[in-house]
PDB file of N, CA and C in Angstrom:
ATOM      1  N   MET A   1     -23.452  17.360 -16.920  1.00  0.00           N
ATOM      2  CA  MET A   1     -23.123  16.460 -16.425  1.00  0.00           C
ATOM      3  C   MET A   1     -21.993  16.266 -18.265  1.00  0.00           C
ATOM      4  N   ILE A   2     -21.365  15.098 -17.358  1.00  0.00           N
ATOM      5  CA  ILE A   2     -19.798  15.030 -18.326  1.00  0.00           C
ATOM      6  C   ILE A   2     -20.381  13.042 -19.254  1.00  0.00           C
ATOM      7  N   LEU A   3     -20.312  12.858 -20.139  1.00  0.00           N
ATOM      8  CA  LEU A   3     -20.500  11.691 -21.096  1.00  0.00           C
ATOM      9  C   LEU A   3     -19.721  11.379 -20.699  1.00  0.00           C
ATOM     10  N   GLN A   4     -19.354   9.540 -20.627  1.00  0.00           N
ATOM     11  CA  GLN A   4     -17.733   9.366 -21.347  1.00  0.00           C
ATOM     12  C   GLN A   4     -18.133   8.469 -22.384  1.00  0.00           C
ATOM     13  N   PRO A   5     -17.761   8.590 -22.715  1.00  0.00           N
ATOM     14  CA  PRO A   5     -17.617   7.713 -24.105  1.00  0.00           C
ATOM     15  C   PRO A   5     -17.617   5.541 -23.957  1.00  0.00           C
ATOM     16  N   ILE A   6     -17.883   5.343 -24.484  1.00  0.00           N
ATOM     17  CA  ILE A   6     -18.227   4.046 -23.703  1.00  0.00           C
ATOM     18  C   ILE A   6     -17.180   3.174 -24.396  1.00  0.00           C
ATOM     19  N   GLY A   7     -17.003   2.212 -24.352  1.00  0.00           N
ATOM     20  CA  GLY A   7     -16.095   1.835 -24.282  1.00  0.00           C
ATOM     21  C   GLY A   7     -14.120   1.698 -23.744  1.00  0.00           C
ATOM     22  N   GLU A   8     -14.086   3.037 -22.653  1.00  0.00           N
ATOM     23  CA  GLU A   8     -13.217   3.281 -22.617  1.00  0.00           C
ATOM     24  C   GLU A   8     -12.788   3.969 -20.685  1.00  0.00           C
ATOM     25  N   GLN A   9     -12.473   4.012 -20.499  1.00  0.00           N
ATOM     26  CA  GLN A   9     -12.029   4.133 -19.215  1.00  0.00           C
ATOM     27  C   GLN A   9     -10.492   5.278 -19.120  1.00  0.00           C
ATOM     28  N   ARG A  10     -11.146   6.452 -17.963  1.00  0.00           N
ATOM     29  CA  ARG A  10     -10.411   7.618 -17.938  1.00  0.00           C
ATOM     30  C   ARG A  10      -9.803   7.469 -16.106  1.00  0.00           C
ATOM     31  N   ALA A  11      -8.497   7.851 -15.727  1.00  0.00           N
ATOM     32  CA  ALA A  11      -7.965   8.320 -14.660  1.00  0.00           C
ATOM     33  C   ALA A  11      -7.683   9.893 -15.312  1.00  0.00           C
ATOM     34  N   VAL A  12      -7.567  10.390 -14.431  1.00  0.00           N
ATOM     35  CA  VAL A  12      -7.415  12.437 -14.649  1.00  0.00           C
ATOM     36  C   VAL A  12      -6.009  12.028 -13.190  1.00  0.00           C
ATOM     37  N   LEU A  13      -4.650  12.566 -13.476  1.00  0.00           N
ATOM     38  CA  LEU A  13      -4.417  13.474 -12.356  1.00  0.00           C
ATOM     39  C   LEU A  13      -3.882  14.606 -12.312  1.00  0.00           C
ATOM     40  N   ARG A  14      -3.742  15.389 -10.989  1.00  0.00           N
ATOM     41  CA  ARG A  14      -3.505  16.408 -11.405  1.00  0.00           C
ATOM     42  C   ARG A  14      -1.667  16.646 -10.299  1.00  0.00           C
ATOM     43  N   GLY A  15      -1.779  18.030  -9.922  1.00  0.00           N
ATOM     44  CA  GLY A  15      -0.462  18.895  -9.911  1.00  0.00           C
ATOM     45  C   GLY A  15       1.170  17.787 -10.684  1.00  0.00           C
ATOM     46  N   LEU A  16       0.209  17.628 -11.541  1.00  0.00           N
ATOM     47  CA  LEU A  16       2.082  17.057 -12.025  1.00  0.00           C
ATOM     48  C   LEU A  16       2.578  17.663 -13.523  1.00  0.00           C
ATOM     49  N   SER A  17       4.720  17.605 -12.771  1.00  0.00           N
ATOM     50  CA  SER A  17       5.339  18.555 -13.803  1.00  0.00           C
ATOM     51  C   SER A  17       4.845  17.965 -15.053  1.00  0.00           C
ATOM     52  N   TRP A  18       5.310  18.939 -15.659  1.00  0.00           N
ATOM     53  CA  TRP A  18       6.262  18.141 -16.696  1.00  0.00           C
ATOM     54  C   TRP A  18       6.992  16.893 -17.202  1.00  0.00           C
ATOM     55  N   GLU A  19       8.321  17.163 -16.172  1.00  0.00           N
ATOM     56  CA  GLU A  19       9.412  16.159 -16.193  1.00  0.00           C
ATOM     57  C   GLU A  19       8.446  15.126 -16.058  1.00  0.00           C
ATOM     58  N   ALA A  20       7.474  14.948 -14.705  1.00  0.00           N
ATOM     59  CA  ALA A  20       6.487  13.796 -14.110  1.00  0.00           C
ATOM     60  C   ALA A  20       6.147  12.683 -15.673  1.00  0.00           C
ATOM     61  N   TYR A  21       5.349  13.712 -16.508  1.00  0.00           N
ATOM     62  CA  TYR A  21       4.776  13.596 -17.361  1.00  0.00           C
ATOM     63  C   TYR A  21       5.604  13.138 -18.535  1.00  0.00           C
ATOM     64  N   LEU A  22       6.860  13.582 -18.787  1.00  0.00           N
ATOM     65  CA  LEU A  22       7.371  12.687 -19.051  1.00  0.00           C
ATOM     66  C   LEU A  22       8.339  11.249 -18.850  1.00  0.00           C
ATOM     67  N   GLN A  23       9.185  10.860 -17.524  1.00  0.00           N
ATOM     68  CA  GLN A  23       8.365  10.266 -17.040  1.00  0.00           C
ATOM     69  C   GLN A  23       7.634   8.493 -17.381  1.00  0.00           C
ATOM     70  N   ILE A  24       6.644   8.960 -17.165  1.00  0.00           N
ATOM     71  CA  ILE A  24       5.473   8.399 -17.181  1.00  0.00           C
ATOM     72  C   ILE A  24       4.876   8.468 -18.826  1.00  0.00           C
ATOM     73  N   LEU A  25       5.821   9.166 -19.799  1.00  0.00           N
ATOM     74  CA  LEU A  25       5.146   8.816 -21.096  1.00  0.00           C
ATOM     75  C   LEU A  25       5.997   7.521 -20.958  1.00  0.00           C
ATOM     76  N   ASP A  26       7.740   7.793 -20.752  1.00  0.00           N
ATOM     77  CA  ASP A  26       9.205   6.588 -20.890  1.00  0.00           C
ATOM     78  C   ASP A  26       8.726   5.215 -20.343  1.00  0.00           C
ATOM     79  N   ALA A  27       7.589   5.602 -19.418  1.00  0.00           N
ATOM     80  CA  ALA A  27       8.400   3.811 -18.340  1.00  0.00           C
ATOM     81  C   ALA A  27       6.287   3.036 -19.504  1.00  0.00           C
ATOM     82  N   LEU A  28       6.416   4.018 -20.157  1.00  0.00           N
ATOM     83  CA  LEU A  28       5.014   3.041 -20.741  1.00  0.00           C
ATOM     84  C   LEU A  28       5.045   3.065 -21.892  1.00  0.00           C
ATOM     85  N   PRO A  29       5.342   1.448 -22.571  1.00  0.00           N
ATOM     86  CA  PRO A  29       5.019   0.379 -23.732  1.00  0.00           C
ATOM     87  C   PRO A  29       5.138   1.438 -24.310  1.00  0.00           C
ATOM     88  N   GLN A  30       5.903   1.321 -25.809  1.00  0.00           N
ATOM     89  CA  GLN A  30       5.341   2.162 -26.492  1.00  0.00           C
ATOM     90  C   GLN A  30       3.933   1.128 -27.376  1.00  0.00           C
ATOM     91  N   SER A  31       3.697   0.452 -26.990  1.00  0.00           N
ATOM     92  CA  SER A  31       2.467  -0.434 -28.233  1.00  0.00           C
ATOM     93  C   SER A  31       1.510  -0.454 -27.227  1.00  0.00           C
ATOM     94  N   ARG A  32       1.387   0.915 -26.376  1.00  0.00           N
ATOM     95  CA  ARG A  32       0.374   1.028 -25.850  1.00  0.00           C
ATOM     96  C   ARG A  32      -1.047   1.020 -26.502  1.00  0.00           C
ATOM     97  N   GLY A  33      -2.045   0.994 -25.794  1.00  0.00           N
ATOM     98  CA  GLY A  33      -3.367   1.614 -26.244  1.00  0.00           C
ATOM     99  C   GLY A  33      -3.965   2.756 -25.506  1.00  0.00           C
ATOM    100  N   SER A  34      -3.477   2.792 -24.910  1.00  0.00           N
ATOM    101  CA  SER A  34      -4.244   4.897 -24.352  1.00  0.00           C
ATOM    102  C   SER A  34      -3.104   5.690 -25.140  1.00  0.00           C
ATOM    103  N   ARG A  35      -3.981   7.015 -24.593  1.00  0.00           N
ATOM    104  CA  ARG A  35      -3.964   7.546 -24.948  1.00  0.00           C
ATOM    105  C   ARG A  35      -3.813   8.552 -24.303  1.00  0.00           C
ATOM    106  N   LEU A  36      -2.054   9.570 -24.189  1.00  0.00           N
ATOM    107  CA  LEU A  36      -2.189  10.518 -22.789  1.00  0.00           C
ATOM    108  C   LEU A  36      -2.611  11.886 -22.994  1.00  0.00           C
ATOM    109  N   THR A  37      -2.862  12.689 -22.035  1.00  0.00           N
ATOM    110  CA  THR A  37      -3.072  14.457 -22.476  1.00  0.00           C
ATOM    111  C   THR A  37      -2.759  14.594 -21.414  1.00  0.00           C
ATOM    112  N   TYR A  38      -2.243  15.789 -21.132  1.00  0.00           N
ATOM    113  CA  TYR A  38      -1.332  16.019 -20.692  1.00  0.00           C
ATOM    114  C   TYR A  38      -1.425  18.878 -20.669  1.00  0.00           C
ATOM    115  N   ASP A  39      -1.905  18.222 -19.965  1.00  0.00           N
ATOM    116  CA  ASP A  39      -1.563  20.861 -19.979  1.00  0.00           C
ATOM    117  C   ASP A  39      -2.368  21.020 -20.020  1.00  0.00           C
ATOM    118  N   ASP A  40      -1.250  21.805 -18.326  1.00  0.00           N
ATOM    119  CA  ASP A  40      -1.414  22.523 -17.067  1.00  0.00           C
ATOM    120  C   ASP A  40      -1.337  21.599 -15.990  1.00  0.00           C
ATOM    121  N   GLY A  41      -0.647  21.067 -15.479  1.00  0.00           N
ATOM    122  CA  GLY A  41      -0.434  20.219 -14.997  1.00  0.00           C
ATOM    123  C   GLY A  41      -2.108  19.146 -14.365  1.00  0.00           C
ATOM    124  N   VAL A  42      -2.663  18.820 -16.108  1.00  0.00           N
ATOM    125  CA  VAL A  42      -3.555  17.932 -15.287  1.00  0.00           C
ATOM    126  C   VAL A  42      -2.774  16.963 -17.553  1.00  0.00           C
ATOM    127  N   LEU A  43      -2.480  15.504 -16.262  1.00  0.00           N
ATOM    128  CA  LEU A  43      -2.645  14.584 -17.372  1.00  0.00           C
ATOM    129  C   LEU A  43      -3.967  13.605 -17.058  1.00  0.00           C
ATOM    130  N   GLU A  44      -4.408  13.404 -18.534  1.00  0.00           N
ATOM    131  CA  GLU A  44      -5.441  12.710 -18.691  1.00  0.00           C
ATOM    132  C   GLU A  44      -4.957  11.356 -19.537  1.00  0.00           C
ATOM    133  N   ILE A  45      -5.560   9.907 -18.604  1.00  0.00           N
ATOM    134  CA  ILE A  45      -4.419   8.819 -19.018  1.00  0.00           C
ATOM    135  C   ILE A  45      -6.350   8.090 -19.654  1.00  0.00           C
ATOM    136  N   THR A  46      -6.654   7.930 -20.675  1.00  0.00           N
ATOM    137  CA  THR A  46      -7.519   7.185 -22.113  1.00  0.00           C
ATOM    138  C   THR A  46      -7.354   5.726 -22.286  1.00  0.00           C
ATOM    139  N   VAL A  47      -7.703   4.888 -21.845  1.00  0.00           N
ATOM    140  CA  VAL A  47      -8.077   3.345 -21.719  1.00  0.00           C
ATOM    141  C   VAL A  47      -8.631   2.561 -22.656  1.00  0.00           C
ATOM    142  N   PRO A  48      -9.396   1.984 -23.799  1.00  0.00           N
ATOM    143  CA  PRO A  48      -9.920   1.989 -24.815  1.00  0.00           C
ATOM    144  C   PRO A  48     -10.000   0.204 -23.525  1.00  0.00           C
ATOM    145  N   LEU A  49     -11.410  -0.336 -22.465  1.00  0.00           N
ATOM    146  CA  LEU A  49     -11.953  -1.051 -22.760  1.00  0.00           C
ATOM    147  C   LEU A  49     -11.692  -2.514 -22.931  1.00  0.00           C
ATOM    148  N   GLU A  50     -11.068  -4.261 -22.375  1.00  0.00           N
ATOM    149  CA  GLU A  50     -10.444  -4.916 -22.999  1.00  0.00           C
ATOM    150  C   GLU A  50     -11.646  -5.928 -24.407  1.00  0.00           C
ATOM    151  N   ALA A  51     -13.365  -5.382 -23.427  1.00  0.00           N
ATOM    152  CA  ALA A  51     -13.892  -6.065 -24.973  1.00  0.00           C
ATOM    153  C   ALA A  51     -14.128  -4.820 -25.957  1.00  0.00           C
ATOM    154  N   HIS A  52     -13.779  -3.375 -25.550  1.00  0.00           N
ATOM    155  CA  HIS A  52     -13.724  -2.792 -26.933  1.00  0.00           C
ATOM    156  C   HIS A  52     -13.107  -2.662 -27.268  1.00  0.00           C
ATOM    157  N   GLU A  53     -11.742  -3.498 -27.399  1.00  0.00           N
ATOM    158  CA  GLU A  53     -10.264  -3.841 -27.897  1.00  0.00           C
ATOM    159  C   GLU A  53     -11.517  -5.024 -29.629  1.00  0.00           C
ATOM    160  N   PHE A  54     -11.005  -5.667 -28.456  1.00  0.00           N
ATOM    161  CA  PHE A  54     -11.729  -7.205 -29.283  1.00  0.00           C
ATOM    162  C   PHE A  54     -12.219  -7.114 -30.474  1.00  0.00           C
ATOM    163  N   SER A  55     -13.695  -5.725 -29.823  1.00  0.00           N
ATOM    164  CA  SER A  55     -14.774  -6.248 -30.769  1.00  0.00           C
ATOM    165  C   SER A  55     -14.067  -5.026 -31.389  1.00  0.00           C
ATOM    166  N   GLY A  56     -13.118  -4.566 -32.142  1.00  0.00           N
ATOM    167  CA  GLY A  56     -12.564  -3.378 -32.858  1.00  0.00           C
ATOM    168  C   GLY A  56     -11.531  -4.720 -34.412  1.00  0.00           C
ATOM    169  N   ARG A  57     -11.678  -5.371 -33.994  1.00  0.00           N
ATOM    170  CA  ARG A  57     -10.506  -6.858 -34.390  1.00  0.00           C
ATOM    171  C   ARG A  57     -11.910  -7.759 -35.450  1.00  0.00           C
TER     172      ARG A  57
END
């Protein structure tokens, strides 16, 4: 069983080349709240939920 932390949403993309990862990274704004993790063709994007973002401020 995989537990997902409260307050964030995740998306996983498989089969991506390093070049595709770099293109995605370049397309995103620098001030984004998301976190990208790339490993051997698998990209995981973690985004805090809006309610979680506001509670931290």
